[in-house]
Structure formats: structure tokens, C-alpha cells
C-alpha atoms as a PDB file:
ATOM      1  CA  MET A   1     -16.266-106.294-129.107  1.00  0.00           C
ATOM      2  CA  GLU A   2     -16.991-105.275-125.546  1.00  0.00           C
ATOM      3  CA  VAL A   3     -14.568-106.430-122.866  1.00  0.00           C
ATOM      4  CA  VAL A   4     -14.549-106.442-119.097  1.00  0.00           C
ATOM      5  CA  PRO A   5     -11.643-106.582-116.659  1.00  0.00           C
ATOM      6  CA  THR A   6     -10.565-109.857-115.127  1.00  0.00           C
ATOM      7  CA  GLY A   7      -8.500-110.779-112.100  1.00  0.00           C
ATOM      8  CA  GLN A   8      -8.743-112.797-108.877  1.00  0.00           C
ATOM      9  CA  PHE A   9     -12.293-113.783-108.002  1.00  0.00           C
ATOM     10  CA  LEU A  10     -14.039-114.869-104.831  1.00  0.00           C
ATOM     11  CA  SER A  11     -13.903-118.411-103.577  1.00  0.00           C
ATOM     12  CA  PRO A  12     -16.385-118.480-100.701  1.00  0.00           C
ATOM     13  CA  VAL A  13     -14.908-119.346 -97.320  1.00  0.00           C
ATOM     14  CA  GLY A  14     -16.202-122.557 -95.822  1.00  0.00           C
ATOM     15  CA  PHE A  15     -15.907-124.990 -98.680  1.00  0.00           C
ATOM     16  CA  LEU A  16     -13.744-123.413-101.366  1.00  0.00           C
ATOM     17  CA  GLY A  17     -11.249-121.297 -99.461  1.00  0.00           C
ATOM     18  CA  SER A  18     -10.849-117.551 -99.888  1.00  0.00           C
ATOM     19  CA  ARG A  19      -8.496-116.147-102.495  1.00  0.00           C
ATOM     20  CA  SER A  20      -9.594-112.510-102.365  1.00  0.00           C
ATOM     21  CA  PRO A  21     -10.784-109.961 -99.812  1.00  0.00           C
ATOM     22  CA  VAL A  22     -14.491-109.948 -99.003  1.00  0.00           C
ATOM     23  CA  THR A  23     -15.838-106.721-100.377  1.00  0.00           C
ATOM     24  CA  LYS A  24     -19.294-105.241 -99.692  1.00  0.00           C
ATOM     25  CA  CYS A  25     -20.782-107.018-102.699  1.00  0.00           C
ATOM     26  CA  HIS A  26     -19.257-110.314-101.535  1.00  0.00           C
ATOM     27  CA  ARG A  27     -20.676-110.305 -97.969  1.00  0.00           C
ATOM     28  CA  LYS A  28     -24.168-111.599 -98.859  1.00  0.00           C
ATOM     29  CA  LEU A  29     -22.732-114.582-100.732  1.00  0.00           C
ATOM     30  CA  HIS A  30     -20.039-115.204 -98.104  1.00  0.00           C
ATOM     31  CA  LYS A  31     -22.579-115.223 -95.281  1.00  0.00           C
ATOM     32  CA  SER A  32     -25.060-117.531 -96.991  1.00  0.00           C
ATOM     33  CA  VAL A  33     -22.447-119.993 -98.170  1.00  0.00           C
ATOM     34  CA  SER A  34     -20.691-120.174 -94.814  1.00  0.00           C
ATOM     35  CA  ALA A  35     -23.952-120.748 -92.956  1.00  0.00           C
ATOM     36  CA  SER A  36     -25.333-123.317 -95.361  1.00  0.00           C
ATOM     37  CA  SER A  37     -22.075-125.260 -95.591  1.00  0.00           C
ATOM     38  CA  THR A  38     -21.369-125.494 -91.855  1.00  0.00           C
ATOM     39  CA  PRO A  39     -21.186-129.225 -91.001  1.00  0.00           C
ATOM     40  CA  THR A  40     -23.835-130.414 -88.537  1.00  0.00           C
ATOM     41  CA  GLY A  41     -22.396-133.836 -87.668  1.00  0.00           C
ATOM     42  CA  GLY A  42     -19.503-136.220 -88.057  1.00  0.00           C
ATOM     43  CA  GLU A  43     -20.398-137.482 -91.536  1.00  0.00           C
ATOM     44  CA  GLU A  44     -21.094-133.960 -92.783  1.00  0.00           C
ATOM     45  CA  ALA A  45     -17.746-132.794 -91.388  1.00  0.00           C
ATOM     46  CA  VAL A  46     -15.881-135.575 -93.186  1.00  0.00           C
ATOM     47  CA  LEU A  47     -17.714-134.817 -96.452  1.00  0.00           C
ATOM     48  CA  HIS A  48     -17.040-131.110 -96.044  1.00  0.00           C
ATOM     49  CA  GLN A  49     -13.314-131.668 -95.508  1.00  0.00           C
ATOM     50  CA  ARG A  50     -13.031-134.162 -98.372  1.00  0.00           C
ATOM     51  CA  MET A  51     -14.830-131.857-100.786  1.00  0.00           C
ATOM     52  CA  ALA A  52     -12.706-128.914 -99.741  1.00  0.00           C
ATOM     53  CA  ARG A  53      -9.499-130.898-100.330  1.00  0.00           C
ATOM     54  CA  THR A  54     -10.796-132.139-103.674  1.00  0.00           C
ATOM     55  CA  GLN A  55     -11.684-128.640-104.885  1.00  0.00           C
ATOM     56  CA  GLU A  56      -8.404-127.198-103.729  1.00  0.00           C
ATOM     57  CA  SER A  57      -6.504-129.956-105.550  1.00  0.00           C
ATOM     58  CA  ARG A  58      -8.489-129.427-108.769  1.00  0.00           C
ATOM     59  CA  ARG A  59      -8.036-125.643-108.691  1.00  0.00           C
ATOM     60  CA  ARG A  60      -4.330-125.981-107.926  1.00  0.00           C
ATOM     61  CA  LEU A  61      -3.765-128.341-110.855  1.00  0.00           C
ATOM     62  CA  LEU A  62      -5.770-126.135-113.197  1.00  0.00           C
ATOM     63  CA  ALA A  63      -3.714-123.110-112.152  1.00  0.00           C
ATOM     64  CA  GLU A  64      -0.473-125.025-112.718  1.00  0.00           C
ATOM     65  CA  VAL A  65      -1.503-126.192-116.184  1.00  0.00           C
ATOM     66  CA  CYS A  66      -2.739-122.728-117.121  1.00  0.00           C
ATOM     67  CA  SER A  67       0.509-121.189-115.902  1.00  0.00           C
ATOM     68  CA  LYS A  68       2.518-123.652-118.013  1.00  0.00           C
ATOM     69  CA  TYR A  69       0.526-123.558-121.248  1.00  0.00           C
ATOM     70  CA  GLN A  70      -1.494-120.288-121.178  1.00  0.00           C
ATOM     71  CA  ALA A  71       0.459-118.028-118.879  1.00  0.00           C
ATOM     72  CA  ASP A  72      -0.656-114.820-120.585  1.00  0.00           C
ATOM     73  CA  VAL A  73      -4.383-115.592-120.592  1.00  0.00           C
ATOM     74  CA  SER A  74      -5.199-114.463-117.067  1.00  0.00           C
ATOM     75  CA  GLN A  75      -3.967-110.968-117.843  1.00  0.00           C
ATOM     76  CA  GLN A  76      -6.304-110.529-120.786  1.00  0.00           C
ATOM     77  CA  PRO A  77      -9.683-108.726-120.639  1.00  0.00           C
ATOM     78  CA  VAL A  78     -12.820-110.848-120.771  1.00  0.00           C
ATOM     79  CA  SER A  79     -14.937-110.537-123.904  1.00  0.00           C
ATOM     80  CA  LYS A  80     -18.671-111.128-124.125  1.00  0.00           C
ATOM     81  CA  ARG A  81     -18.005-114.068-126.422  1.00  0.00           C
ATOM     82  CA  GLN A  82     -15.899-115.727-123.711  1.00  0.00           C
ATOM     83  CA  VAL A  83     -18.784-115.681-121.236  1.00  0.00           C
ATOM     84  CA  SER A  84     -21.532-116.560-123.709  1.00  0.00           C
ATOM     85  CA  ARG A  85     -21.921-120.113-122.348  1.00  0.00           C
ATOM     86  CA  ILE A  86     -22.310-118.974-118.751  1.00  0.00           C
ATOM     87  CA  TYR A  87     -25.783-118.895-117.145  1.00  0.00           C
ATOM     88  CA  VAL A  88     -26.538-116.477-114.308  1.00  0.00           C
ATOM     89  CA  GLU A  89     -28.636-117.190-111.238  1.00  0.00           C
ATOM     90  CA  ASP A  90     -28.738-113.899-109.359  1.00  0.00           C
ATOM     91  CA  ARG A  91     -30.708-115.051-106.322  1.00  0.00           C
ATOM     92  CA  SER A  92     -28.026-117.621-105.436  1.00  0.00           C
ATOM     93  CA  TRP A  93     -25.098-115.556-106.731  1.00  0.00           C
ATOM     94  CA  LEU A  94     -24.210-118.405-109.085  1.00  0.00           C
ATOM     95  CA  LEU A  95     -22.557-118.586-112.492  1.00  0.00           C
ATOM     96  CA  TYR A  96     -22.784-121.935-114.301  1.00  0.00           C
ATOM     97  CA  CYS A  97     -20.873-122.680-117.520  1.00  0.00           C
ATOM     98  CA  GLU A  98     -22.885-124.938-119.774  1.00  0.00           C
ATOM     99  CA  VAL A  99     -20.978-127.948-121.119  1.00  0.00           C
ATOM    100  CA  PRO A 100     -23.217-130.121-123.324  1.00  0.00           C
ATOM    101  CA  LYS A 101     -23.228-133.849-122.506  1.00  0.00           C
ATOM    102  CA  VAL A 102     -22.207-133.118-118.909  1.00  0.00           C
ATOM    103  CA  GLY A 103     -25.648-132.988-117.350  1.00  0.00           C
ATOM    104  CA  CYS A 104     -26.436-129.503-118.608  1.00  0.00           C
ATOM    105  CA  SER A 105     -30.146-130.192-119.189  1.00  0.00           C
ATOM    106  CA  ASN A 106     -30.625-131.075-115.553  1.00  0.00           C
ATOM    107  CA  TRP A 107     -28.461-128.176-114.431  1.00  0.00           C
ATOM    108  CA  LYS A 108     -30.697-125.800-116.365  1.00  0.00           C
ATOM    109  CA  ARG A 109     -33.713-127.337-114.597  1.00  0.00           C
ATOM    110  CA  VAL A 110     -31.984-126.687-111.268  1.00  0.00           C
ATOM    111  CA  LEU A 111     -31.278-123.071-112.230  1.00  0.00           C
ATOM    112  CA  MET A 112     -34.902-122.598-113.300  1.00  0.00           C
ATOM    113  CA  VAL A 113     -36.082-123.700-109.865  1.00  0.00           C
ATOM    114  CA  LEU A 114     -33.458-121.633-108.044  1.00  0.00           C
ATOM    115  CA  SER A 115     -34.354-118.509-110.009  1.00  0.00           C
ATOM    116  CA  GLY A 116     -38.079-118.878-109.588  1.00  0.00           C
ATOM    117  CA  ALA A 117     -38.544-119.197-113.337  1.00  0.00           C
ATOM    118  CA  THR A 118     -40.803-122.192-112.761  1.00  0.00           C
ATOM    119  CA  THR A 119     -42.966-123.597-109.990  1.00  0.00           C
ATOM    120  CA  SER A 120     -42.834-127.062-111.507  1.00  0.00           C
ATOM    121  CA  SER A 121     -40.835-129.812-109.904  1.00  0.00           C
ATOM    122  CA  ILE A 122     -37.567-130.571-111.665  1.00  0.00           C
ATOM    123  CA  ARG A 123     -38.819-133.854-113.086  1.00  0.00           C
ATOM    124  CA  ASP A 124     -41.846-132.125-114.621  1.00  0.00           C
ATOM    125  CA  ILE A 125     -39.731-129.694-116.702  1.00  0.00           C
ATOM    126  CA  PRO A 126     -39.648-130.968-120.330  1.00  0.00           C
ATOM    127  CA  HIS A 127     -36.336-131.149-122.208  1.00  0.00           C
ATOM    128  CA  ASN A 128     -37.318-128.394-124.673  1.00  0.00           C
ATOM    129  CA  ALA A 129     -38.448-126.100-121.852  1.00  0.00           C
ATOM    130  CA  ALA A 130     -35.132-126.549-120.083  1.00  0.00           C
ATOM    131  CA  HIS A 131     -33.235-125.504-123.192  1.00  0.00           C
ATOM    132  CA  LYS A 132     -35.530-123.151-125.122  1.00  0.00           C
ATOM    133  CA  ALA A 133     -37.920-121.660-122.578  1.00  0.00           C
ATOM    134  CA  ASN A 134     -35.888-121.544-119.403  1.00  0.00           C
ATOM    135  CA  HIS A 135     -35.991-117.732-118.978  1.00  0.00           C
ATOM    136  CA  LEU A 136     -32.418-117.840-117.732  1.00  0.00           C
ATOM    137  CA  ARG A 137     -29.990-115.059-118.589  1.00  0.00           C
ATOM    138  CA  ARG A 138     -26.519-115.590-119.916  1.00  0.00           C
ATOM    139  CA  LEU A 139     -23.648-113.552-118.618  1.00  0.00           C
ATOM    140  CA  ASN A 140     -22.996-111.934-121.985  1.00  0.00           C
ATOM    141  CA  SER A 141     -26.445-110.307-121.838  1.00  0.00           C
ATOM    142  CA  TYR A 142     -25.272-107.885-119.135  1.00  0.00           C
ATOM    143  CA  ASP A 143     -23.319-104.714-119.695  1.00  0.00           C
ATOM    144  CA  PRO A 144     -19.565-104.788-119.002  1.00  0.00           C
ATOM    145  CA  ASP A 145     -19.985-103.531-115.439  1.00  0.00           C
ATOM    146  CA  GLY A 146     -22.639-106.162-114.733  1.00  0.00           C
ATOM    147  CA  ILE A 147     -20.364-108.872-116.138  1.00  0.00           C
ATOM    148  CA  ALA A 148     -17.350-107.737-114.133  1.00  0.00           C
ATOM    149  CA  GLN A 149     -19.317-107.457-110.864  1.00  0.00           C
ATOM    150  CA  ARG A 150     -20.703-110.984-111.224  1.00  0.00           C
ATOM    151  CA  LEU A 151     -17.328-112.449-112.145  1.00  0.00           C
ATOM    152  CA  ARG A 152     -15.878-110.857-108.992  1.00  0.00           C
ATOM    153  CA  SER A 153     -18.575-111.815-106.527  1.00  0.00           C
ATOM    154  CA  TYR A 154     -20.525-114.880-107.720  1.00  0.00           C
ATOM    155  CA  THR A 155     -19.605-118.541-107.308  1.00  0.00           C
ATOM    156  CA  LYS A 156     -18.365-119.750-110.684  1.00  0.00           C
ATOM    157  CA  VAL A 157     -19.203-123.370-111.389  1.00  0.00           C
ATOM    158  CA  LEU A 158     -17.951-125.789-114.045  1.00  0.00           C
ATOM    159  CA  PHE A 159     -18.683-129.520-114.440  1.00  0.00           C
ATOM    160  CA  VAL A 160     -16.498-131.641-116.710  1.00  0.00           C
ATOM    161  CA  ARG A 161     -16.478-135.192-118.067  1.00  0.00           C
ATOM    162  CA  GLU A 162     -13.922-137.615-119.487  1.00  0.00           C
ATOM    163  CA  PRO A 163     -13.335-135.909-122.867  1.00  0.00           C
ATOM    164  CA  LEU A 164     -13.576-138.878-125.247  1.00  0.00           C
ATOM    165  CA  GLU A 165     -16.553-140.300-123.365  1.00  0.00           C
ATOM    166  CA  ARG A 166     -18.268-136.939-123.761  1.00  0.00           C
ATOM    167  CA  LEU A 167     -17.417-137.049-127.475  1.00  0.00           C
ATOM    168  CA  VAL A 168     -18.952-140.492-127.941  1.00  0.00           C
ATOM    169  CA  SER A 169     -22.038-139.367-126.031  1.00  0.00           C
ATOM    170  CA  ALA A 170     -22.415-136.436-128.424  1.00  0.00           C
ATOM    171  CA  PHE A 171     -21.951-138.640-131.504  1.00  0.00           C
ATOM    172  CA  ARG A 172     -24.550-141.168-130.332  1.00  0.00           C
ATOM    173  CA  ASP A 173     -27.032-138.428-129.499  1.00  0.00           C
ATOM    174  CA  LYS A 174     -26.701-136.351-132.661  1.00  0.00           C
ATOM    175  CA  PHE A 175     -25.910-138.936-135.340  1.00  0.00           C
ATOM    176  CA  GLU A 176     -27.419-142.244-134.227  1.00  0.00           C
ATOM    177  CA  ASN A 177     -30.807-140.807-133.326  1.00  0.00           C
ATOM    178  CA  PRO A 178     -33.338-138.793-135.386  1.00  0.00           C
ATOM    179  CA  GLU A 179     -31.849-135.287-135.386  1.00  0.00           C
ATOM    180  CA  SER A 180     -32.858-133.455-138.508  1.00  0.00           C
ATOM    181  CA  TYR A 181     -30.663-130.406-137.801  1.00  0.00           C
ATOM    182  CA  TYR A 182     -27.446-132.370-137.215  1.00  0.00           C
ATOM    183  CA  HIS A 183     -28.070-134.824-140.019  1.00  0.00           C
ATOM    184  CA  SER A 184     -28.716-132.070-142.551  1.00  0.00           C
ATOM    185  CA  SER A 185     -26.222-129.442-141.308  1.00  0.00           C
ATOM    186  CA  PHE A 186     -23.344-131.762-140.332  1.00  0.00           C
ATOM    187  CA  GLY A 187     -24.137-135.230-141.679  1.00  0.00           C
ATOM    188  CA  ARG A 188     -24.423-134.230-145.334  1.00  0.00           C
ATOM    189  CA  ALA A 189     -21.171-132.259-145.246  1.00  0.00           C
ATOM    190  CA  ILE A 190     -19.315-135.056-143.434  1.00  0.00           C
ATOM    191  CA  ILE A 191     -20.514-137.783-145.790  1.00  0.00           C
ATOM    192  CA  SER A 192     -19.718-135.645-148.834  1.00  0.00           C
ATOM    193  CA  ARG A 193     -16.146-134.974-147.675  1.00  0.00           C
ATOM    194  CA  TYR A 194     -15.095-138.292-146.175  1.00  0.00           C
ATOM    195  CA  ARG A 195     -17.154-141.102-147.737  1.00  0.00           C
ATOM    196  CA  VAL A 196     -15.931-142.678-150.957  1.00  0.00           C
ATOM    197  CA  ASN A 197     -18.725-143.525-153.388  1.00  0.00           C
ATOM    198  CA  ALA A 198     -21.451-142.144-151.146  1.00  0.00           C
ATOM    199  CA  THR A 199     -24.968-142.886-152.317  1.00  0.00           C
ATOM    200  CA  LEU A 200     -27.216-140.065-153.455  1.00  0.00           C
ATOM    201  CA  LYS A 201     -29.606-140.947-150.624  1.00  0.00           C
ATOM    202  CA  ALA A 202     -26.857-140.543-148.010  1.00  0.00           C
ATOM    203  CA  LEU A 203     -25.679-137.268-149.536  1.00  0.00           C
ATOM    204  CA  ARG A 204     -29.199-135.882-149.480  1.00  0.00           C
ATOM    205  CA  SER A 205     -30.213-137.027-145.990  1.00  0.00           C
ATOM    206  CA  GLY A 206     -26.966-136.930-144.053  1.00  0.00           C
ATOM    207  CA  ASP A 207     -28.113-140.082-142.245  1.00  0.00           C
ATOM    208  CA  GLY A 208     -25.739-142.842-141.216  1.00  0.00           C
ATOM    209  CA  VAL A 209     -22.528-140.925-140.458  1.00  0.00           C
ATOM    210  CA  THR A 210     -20.009-143.441-139.114  1.00  0.00           C
ATOM    211  CA  PHE A 211     -17.885-142.813-136.061  1.00  0.00           C
ATOM    212  CA  ARG A 212     -14.723-142.894-138.182  1.00  0.00           C
ATOM    213  CA  GLU A 213     -16.171-140.257-140.537  1.00  0.00           C
ATOM    214  CA  PHE A 214     -17.090-138.128-137.536  1.00  0.00           C
ATOM    215  CA  ILE A 215     -13.543-138.341-136.173  1.00  0.00           C
ATOM    216  CA  GLN A 216     -12.135-137.458-139.556  1.00  0.00           C
ATOM    217  CA  TYR A 217     -14.278-134.318-139.517  1.00  0.00           C
ATOM    218  CA  LEU A 218     -13.336-133.478-135.933  1.00  0.00           C
ATOM    219  CA  VAL A 219      -9.585-133.480-136.474  1.00  0.00           C
ATOM    220  CA  ASP A 220      -9.639-131.927-139.959  1.00  0.00           C
ATOM    221  CA  VAL A 221      -8.150-128.427-139.803  1.00  0.00           C
ATOM    222  CA  ARG A 222     -10.171-127.675-142.946  1.00  0.00           C
ATOM    223  CA  ARG A 223     -13.388-129.328-141.751  1.00  0.00           C
ATOM    224  CA  PRO A 224     -16.293-128.793-144.171  1.00  0.00           C
ATOM    225  CA  VAL A 225     -18.656-127.509-141.501  1.00  0.00           C
ATOM    226  CA  GLY A 226     -17.927-125.579-138.328  1.00  0.00           C
ATOM    227  CA  MET A 227     -17.449-126.657-134.724  1.00  0.00           C
ATOM    228  CA  ASP A 228     -20.423-127.380-132.473  1.00  0.00           C
ATOM    229  CA  ILE A 229     -20.712-126.868-128.708  1.00  0.00           C
ATOM    230  CA  HIS A 230     -21.590-130.530-128.176  1.00  0.00           C
ATOM    231  CA  TRP A 231     -18.065-131.598-129.052  1.00  0.00           C
ATOM    232  CA  GLN A 232     -16.099-128.400-128.577  1.00  0.00           C
ATOM    233  CA  SER A 233     -13.428-128.747-125.854  1.00  0.00           C
ATOM    234  CA  VAL A 234     -14.274-127.456-122.374  1.00  0.00           C
ATOM    235  CA  SER A 235     -11.114-125.336-122.418  1.00  0.00           C
ATOM    236  CA  LYS A 236     -12.584-123.330-125.312  1.00  0.00           C
ATOM    237  CA  LEU A 237     -16.227-123.394-124.212  1.00  0.00           C
ATOM    238  CA  CYS A 238     -15.665-122.164-120.653  1.00  0.00           C
ATOM    239  CA  ASN A 239     -12.191-120.529-120.691  1.00  0.00           C
ATOM    240  CA  PRO A 240     -11.053-121.915-117.312  1.00  0.00           C
ATOM    241  CA  CYS A 241      -7.617-120.312-117.520  1.00  0.00           C
ATOM    242  CA  LEU A 242      -9.248-116.905-117.791  1.00  0.00           C
ATOM    243  CA  LEU A 243     -12.267-117.142-115.526  1.00  0.00           C
ATOM    244  CA  HIS A 244     -10.869-118.882-112.401  1.00  0.00           C
ATOM    245  CA  TYR A 245     -13.752-121.231-111.554  1.00  0.00           C
ATOM    246  CA  ASP A 246     -14.477-121.684-107.867  1.00  0.00           C
ATOM    247  CA  PHE A 247     -16.083-125.122-108.106  1.00  0.00           C
ATOM    248  CA  ILE A 248     -14.949-127.759-110.607  1.00  0.00           C
ATOM    249  CA  GLY A 249     -17.227-130.767-110.499  1.00  0.00           C
ATOM    250  CA  ARG A 250     -17.053-134.094-112.323  1.00  0.00           C
ATOM    251  CA  PHE A 251     -19.791-135.832-114.249  1.00  0.00           C
ATOM    252  CA  GLU A 252     -18.583-139.181-112.942  1.00  0.00           C
ATOM    253  CA  VAL A 253     -19.636-138.200-109.382  1.00  0.00           C
ATOM    254  CA  MET A 254     -22.212-135.637-110.433  1.00  0.00           C
ATOM    255  CA  GLU A 255     -24.962-136.422-107.930  1.00  0.00           C
ATOM    256  CA  GLU A 256     -22.724-136.168-104.859  1.00  0.00           C
ATOM    257  CA  GLU A 257     -20.805-133.114-105.945  1.00  0.00           C
ATOM    258  CA  ALA A 258     -23.793-131.244-107.395  1.00  0.00           C
ATOM    259  CA  ASN A 259     -25.810-131.766-104.227  1.00  0.00           C
ATOM    260  CA  PHE A 260     -22.886-130.654-102.071  1.00  0.00           C
ATOM    261  CA  LEU A 261     -22.624-127.504-104.117  1.00  0.00           C
ATOM    262  CA  LEU A 262     -26.373-126.841-103.810  1.00  0.00           C
ATOM    263  CA  ARG A 263     -26.212-127.118-100.047  1.00  0.00           C
ATOM    264  CA  SER A 264     -23.149-124.866-100.007  1.00  0.00           C
ATOM    265  CA  ILE A 265     -24.863-122.030-101.843  1.00  0.00           C
ATOM    266  CA  GLY A 266     -27.929-122.186 -99.594  1.00  0.00           C
ATOM    267  CA  ALA A 267     -30.338-123.874-102.009  1.00  0.00           C
ATOM    268  CA  PRO A 268     -33.609-125.147-100.501  1.00  0.00           C
ATOM    269  CA  ALA A 269     -33.067-128.416 -98.639  1.00  0.00           C
ATOM    270  CA  ASN A 270     -35.576-130.228-100.875  1.00  0.00           C
ATOM    271  CA  LEU A 271     -33.780-129.211-104.089  1.00  0.00           C
ATOM    272  CA  THR A 272     -31.408-131.927-105.276  1.00  0.00           C
ATOM    273  CA  TYR A 273     -29.717-132.603-108.586  1.00  0.00           C
ATOM    274  CA  PRO A 274     -31.949-134.923-110.685  1.00  0.00           C
ATOM    275  CA  ASP A 275     -29.984-137.892-111.970  1.00  0.00           C
ATOM    276  CA  PHE A 276     -32.253-138.898-114.824  1.00  0.00           C
ATOM    277  CA  LYS A 277     -31.735-139.183-118.604  1.00  0.00           C
ATOM    278  CA  ASP A 278     -34.505-137.548-120.616  1.00  0.00           C
ATOM    279  CA  ARG A 279     -32.872-137.768-124.058  1.00  0.00           C
ATOM    280  CA  ASN A 280     -33.409-141.260-125.472  1.00  0.00           C
ATOM    281  CA  PRO A 281     -34.110-142.577-121.996  1.00  0.00           C
ATOM    282  CA  LEU A 282     -34.216-146.215-123.076  1.00  0.00           C
ATOM    283  CA  GLU A 283     -30.707-146.013-124.508  1.00  0.00           C
ATOM    284  CA  GLU A 284     -27.831-147.006-122.236  1.00  0.00           C
ATOM    285  CA  ARG A 285     -25.893-144.007-120.942  1.00  0.00           C
ATOM    286  CA  THR A 286     -22.480-143.631-122.567  1.00  0.00           C
ATOM    287  CA  SER A 287     -19.860-145.224-120.318  1.00  0.00           C
ATOM    288  CA  SER A 288     -16.202-146.065-120.368  1.00  0.00           C
ATOM    289  CA  ARG A 289     -17.004-149.464-121.832  1.00  0.00           C
ATOM    290  CA  ILE A 290     -19.129-147.995-124.632  1.00  0.00           C
ATOM    291  CA  THR A 291     -16.424-145.407-125.330  1.00  0.00           C
ATOM    292  CA  GLN A 292     -13.854-148.188-125.693  1.00  0.00           C
ATOM    293  CA  GLU A 293     -16.148-149.967-128.164  1.00  0.00           C
ATOM    294  CA  TYR A 294     -16.466-146.914-130.390  1.00  0.00           C
ATOM    295  CA  PHE A 295     -12.759-146.141-130.369  1.00  0.00           C
ATOM    296  CA  SER A 296     -11.898-149.749-131.173  1.00  0.00           C
ATOM    297  CA  GLN A 297     -13.326-148.979-134.624  1.00  0.00           C
ATOM    298  CA  LEU A 298     -10.393-146.630-135.222  1.00  0.00           C
ATOM    299  CA  ASN A 299      -6.711-147.218-135.810  1.00  0.00           C
ATOM    300  CA  ALA A 300      -4.014-145.956-133.463  1.00  0.00           C
ATOM    301  CA  THR A 301      -3.352-142.803-135.467  1.00  0.00           C
ATOM    302  CA  GLU A 302      -7.024-141.827-135.431  1.00  0.00           C
ATOM    303  CA  ARG A 303      -7.269-142.438-131.693  1.00  0.00           C
ATOM    304  CA  GLN A 304      -4.176-140.347-131.119  1.00  0.00           C
ATOM    305  CA  ARG A 305      -5.507-137.419-133.142  1.00  0.00           C
ATOM    306  CA  ALA A 306      -8.830-137.458-131.311  1.00  0.00           C
ATOM    307  CA  PHE A 307      -6.982-137.506-127.995  1.00  0.00           C
ATOM    308  CA  GLU A 308      -4.794-134.570-129.057  1.00  0.00           C
ATOM    309  CA  PHE A 309      -7.897-132.566-129.949  1.00  0.00           C
ATOM    310  CA  TYR A 310      -8.860-132.711-126.268  1.00  0.00           C
ATOM    311  CA  ASN A 311      -5.319-132.665-124.873  1.00  0.00           C
ATOM    312  CA  MET A 312      -5.827-129.436-122.951  1.00  0.00           C
ATOM    313  CA  ASP A 313      -8.957-130.817-121.259  1.00  0.00           C
ATOM    314  CA  TYR A 314      -7.044-133.926-120.213  1.00  0.00           C
ATOM    315  CA  LEU A 315      -4.306-131.777-118.691  1.00  0.00           C
ATOM    316  CA  LEU A 316      -6.579-129.236-116.990  1.00  0.00           C
ATOM    317  CA  PHE A 317      -8.948-131.728-115.399  1.00  0.00           C
ATOM    318  CA  ASN A 318      -6.560-134.582-114.658  1.00  0.00           C
ATOM    319  CA  TYR A 319      -8.183-137.349-116.648  1.00  0.00           C
ATOM    320  CA  PRO A 320      -5.791-140.250-117.444  1.00  0.00           C
ATOM    321  CA  LYS A 321      -5.096-141.349-121.005  1.00  0.00           C
ATOM    322  CA  PRO A 322      -7.960-143.682-121.902  1.00  0.00           C
ATOM    323  CA  PHE A 323      -6.004-145.989-124.274  1.00  0.00           C
ATOM    324  CA  GLN A 324      -2.662-147.692-123.843  1.00  0.00           C
ATOM    325  CA  ASP A 325      -1.395-146.820-127.320  1.00  0.00           C
ATOM    326  CA  LEU A 326      -1.671-143.069-126.765  1.00  0.00           C
ATOM    327  CA  HIS A 327       1.474-140.992-126.313  1.00  0.00           C
END
């Protein structure tokens, strides 16, 4: 397994604050970010200052939690596997870690436009094209020197979402809609393991997995089928204690924070984050209320175990406990 060195990485001056010296390879990024993020009026100045404080607070908390729970991680080398979810946009000096169910389809559309991989407008890029024909490179496709150089000098971006809300969104998408891969690969195994007196039809199709059965699978240390990126924790998908992200955005305020980031990296003025839902567009977007409805189907022990599965994400990203009976 190839590894690359890790250490302190650049946080561009102007909206993130500098944590490392500006080397020759940093200057291009530093110059473009500083120029593009310079406030031009009172409202822009207030936004700039608020965003800077927010990012500093999020990075500080993440560093404190990492120091407490994963103190040895930052001293470890970076493997290709650990950067396999990170997309590279070389023209904007940007690294984006893909977290499914946190607006990643639209982020891939944005990266396609930034990279010149498409001349289409963002809204004209089909879902399958965004995921399967985006022509974007992942960081693990570079050699160790290329990985290390980009980790040192590019802006590293991560967007997160309330963990159990993200989980419910994944369940609804993959098990309550026609999804032949997930029904056959996961549904059949889940029904076989956790449903008493399952019908032959259910065992063959994998259709109709209940939320309780899905949670039983999730928290089972001997789960009958492996983990999937759509419900894997962000702490394991994106390795924030190792990679020192410069910008940590939230799904709950995605449009504002994504657009601020785009202006900060010097993206074209007419490029904005598209806040539309292209998967099952007629279905209501998963919300806190919907999440509460799904978890009301479980008992207190089941809710606690699901919460504990994402405990590190709750700590790292400062989301409050979503249910009163959690401890």
C-alpha cells in the first residue's frame, strides 16, 4: 500500500486563516483566494467575518476532538485508500471529499464546470453523468508525490450533515425506491438475517426492508453484508483527523456556505451551488421532522446504538443529540 507524508496544510489567508508558511506552490492559490475573497462592501465584510469565525470555530473543535480521541492519527502517513473519496479540481486548487447524501451530486456538477469537463450548465448535467461520466480525478489516482503536493497546497473541503438525518436519507433513497443493486445486494441479506418467517418473495427480491431491519444491520458487528459509503460515517470516509480540512461546511446551510466558498476560491461569478433535488424530485427532502418519524419506530436501545455508530461524527462536527433519551 502506497503512503504519502502528512502534516500541517495550507489554510488560505483571507477567509480561513494561515496555519503554514506560503511556499512557492502555495502562492498561486493564496493570491487568487485573497483577491476573490476581499469584501467589497459592508454586507460582504460582515459575511466574510462571520464565515471566518465559523470556520475557525469548526476547525478548532475538530482539532480538540481529534486530539482527545485520535491523538496519534495526525502523525501517521496517508494511504491511497484514505484519500480515495477525495475529488481533485486542479484549476481551482481544490480537494473535495465526497460524502453521499450531503449534496455530493451537485458538488460533482460544480467540479465538472470548474474543471472544464463540461460546457453544459449545472442544471443540464444528468444525475448519471455527474456520478459516472464526470471525468473528474480522485486524489488516489496520483502518485505519492502528486498526492502529497496537493494535500499541502490545495484547499481541502468537507461538507457534513446531521448524522442520523443523513442515515434516514440514505435509507429512503436506497430501500424505499426502485434500486435493484441495493435491494439485491443488501436487501436480500438483511431480510434473510433479521426477518423472522420471511416470505420466499422477499428473500428473492430484497424488497421491503424495514427501517428497524436496516438499523439492526447497521449496528451488527457481524453484519451479513459489508458497509456502504451512503451510510458510512464521515469520520471514516474523509479522515478529518488526518487530513486537516480547511473548509468544513454544513448541509443545513449549504447554499450560503457553498457559494461563499466558490467566491473565495475565485470561481466564475455566475457559478453558484445548485440547490435542487434530482433523485426522486417529487419526494420530500429528508428533514429533522422526517428523521424523528423514522426513529420513533425504534425503541430506546435501538436509537442509542444507531447514535453510537455515528458518535465520532457528532463530536467532530458539533451536532447536538437528536433525541432526549440518548446518553
